[in-house]
Amino acid sequence: MQDFNFLIIFARVVEAGSFSEAARCMDISRAAVSKAIAKLEKDLST
């Protein structure tokens, strides 16, 4: 179910317009957002 969390983080980045704002809204670090997006990109081979 962890992969679903990556999609939630991605959606929040899109809504917020930045990694930093998404991190603030989700109360997680910007690094955690960045790592989640990197993992999602890797999994999707982009």
N, C-alpha and C. Protein backbone atom coordinates (compact mmCIF):
# COMPACT_ATOMS: atom_id res chain seq x y z
N MET A 1 0.81 -1.20 0.00
CA MET A 1 0.00 0.00 0.00
C MET A 1 0.86 1.27 0.00
N GLN A 2 2.14 1.10 0.21
CA GLN A 2 3.06 2.23 0.21
C GLN A 2 3.03 2.98 -1.13
N ASP A 3 2.90 2.24 -2.25
CA ASP A 3 2.87 2.89 -3.55
C ASP A 3 1.69 3.85 -3.67
N PHE A 4 0.59 3.53 -3.03
CA PHE A 4 -0.56 4.42 -3.04
C PHE A 4 -0.23 5.74 -2.36
N ASN A 5 0.58 5.69 -1.31
CA ASN A 5 1.00 6.91 -0.63
C ASN A 5 1.82 7.81 -1.54
N PHE A 6 2.63 7.20 -2.42
CA PHE A 6 3.40 8.00 -3.37
C PHE A 6 2.47 8.78 -4.29
N LEU A 7 1.37 8.15 -4.69
CA LEU A 7 0.40 8.84 -5.55
C LEU A 7 -0.31 9.96 -4.80
N ILE A 8 -0.59 9.75 -3.54
CA ILE A 8 -1.20 10.80 -2.73
C ILE A 8 -0.26 11.99 -2.61
N ILE A 9 1.01 11.71 -2.37
CA ILE A 9 2.00 12.79 -2.28
C ILE A 9 2.11 13.52 -3.61
N PHE A 10 2.13 12.77 -4.71
CA PHE A 10 2.20 13.39 -6.04
C PHE A 10 1.00 14.32 -6.25
N ALA A 11 -0.18 13.84 -5.92
CA ALA A 11 -1.38 14.67 -6.09
C ALA A 11 -1.30 15.93 -5.24
N ARG A 12 -0.78 15.81 -4.03
CA ARG A 12 -0.66 16.98 -3.16
C ARG A 12 0.34 17.99 -3.73
N VAL A 13 1.43 17.50 -4.33
CA VAL A 13 2.41 18.40 -4.96
C VAL A 13 1.74 19.16 -6.10
N VAL A 14 0.96 18.45 -6.91
CA VAL A 14 0.26 19.11 -8.01
C VAL A 14 -0.70 20.17 -7.47
N GLU A 15 -1.47 19.82 -6.47
CA GLU A 15 -2.44 20.76 -5.89
C GLU A 15 -1.74 21.97 -5.26
N ALA A 16 -0.66 21.71 -4.55
CA ALA A 16 0.04 22.77 -3.81
C ALA A 16 0.94 23.61 -4.72
N GLY A 17 1.41 23.02 -5.80
CA GLY A 17 2.26 23.75 -6.73
C GLY A 17 3.74 23.69 -6.43
N SER A 18 4.11 23.04 -5.33
CA SER A 18 5.53 22.89 -5.02
C SER A 18 5.74 21.77 -4.01
N PHE A 19 6.95 21.25 -4.01
CA PHE A 19 7.30 20.21 -3.03
C PHE A 19 7.22 20.78 -1.61
N SER A 20 7.73 21.99 -1.45
CA SER A 20 7.77 22.59 -0.12
C SER A 20 6.38 22.82 0.45
N GLU A 21 5.49 23.33 -0.36
CA GLU A 21 4.12 23.58 0.11
C GLU A 21 3.39 22.28 0.38
N ALA A 22 3.60 21.28 -0.47
CA ALA A 22 2.99 19.97 -0.24
C ALA A 22 3.49 19.38 1.07
N ALA A 23 4.77 19.49 1.31
CA ALA A 23 5.35 18.97 2.55
C ALA A 23 4.75 19.68 3.76
N ARG A 24 4.59 20.98 3.67
CA ARG A 24 4.01 21.74 4.78
C ARG A 24 2.56 21.30 5.02
N CYS A 25 1.80 21.14 3.95
CA CYS A 25 0.39 20.73 4.08
C CYS A 25 0.25 19.33 4.66
N MET A 26 1.19 18.46 4.33
CA MET A 26 1.12 17.07 4.78
C MET A 26 1.87 16.85 6.09
N ASP A 27 2.54 17.88 6.58
CA ASP A 27 3.34 17.81 7.81
C ASP A 27 4.41 16.73 7.73
N ILE A 28 5.12 16.73 6.58
CA ILE A 28 6.27 15.86 6.39
C ILE A 28 7.41 16.71 5.84
N SER A 29 8.61 16.17 5.81
CA SER A 29 9.74 16.96 5.33
C SER A 29 9.72 17.07 3.81
N ARG A 30 10.35 18.13 3.32
CA ARG A 30 10.47 18.31 1.88
C ARG A 30 11.27 17.16 1.27
N ALA A 31 12.26 16.68 2.03
CA ALA A 31 13.06 15.55 1.57
C ALA A 31 12.20 14.30 1.39
N ALA A 32 11.25 14.09 2.29
CA ALA A 32 10.36 12.93 2.17
C ALA A 32 9.50 13.04 0.91
N VAL A 33 9.04 14.24 0.61
CA VAL A 33 8.27 14.46 -0.61
C VAL A 33 9.14 14.18 -1.83
N SER A 34 10.33 14.73 -1.82
CA SER A 34 11.25 14.54 -2.92
C SER A 34 11.57 13.06 -3.15
N LYS A 35 11.82 12.34 -2.08
CA LYS A 35 12.12 10.90 -2.19
C LYS A 35 10.92 10.12 -2.71
N ALA A 36 9.74 10.49 -2.27
CA ALA A 36 8.53 9.81 -2.74
C ALA A 36 8.33 10.02 -4.25
N ILE A 37 8.55 11.24 -4.70
CA ILE A 37 8.40 11.54 -6.13
C ILE A 37 9.48 10.82 -6.94
N ALA A 38 10.70 10.78 -6.42
CA ALA A 38 11.78 10.06 -7.10
C ALA A 38 11.46 8.58 -7.21
N LYS A 39 10.92 8.01 -6.15
CA LYS A 39 10.54 6.59 -6.17
C LYS A 39 9.43 6.34 -7.17
N LEU A 40 8.45 7.23 -7.21
CA LEU A 40 7.35 7.09 -8.16
C LEU A 40 7.88 7.19 -9.60
N GLU A 41 8.78 8.11 -9.85
CA GLU A 41 9.38 8.24 -11.19
C GLU A 41 10.14 6.97 -11.56
N LYS A 42 10.89 6.45 -10.62
CA LYS A 42 11.66 5.22 -10.87
C LYS A 42 10.72 4.05 -11.19
N ASP A 43 9.67 3.93 -10.39
CA ASP A 43 8.71 2.84 -10.59
C ASP A 43 8.00 2.95 -11.93
N LEU A 44 7.80 4.18 -12.39
CA LEU A 44 7.14 4.41 -13.68
C LEU A 44 8.13 4.49 -14.83
N SER A 45 9.41 4.36 -14.51
CA SER A 45 10.49 4.41 -15.51
C SER A 45 10.48 5.68 -16.33
N THR A 46 10.39 6.82 -15.63
CA THR A 46 10.43 8.10 -16.33
C THR A 46 11.73 8.80 -16.06
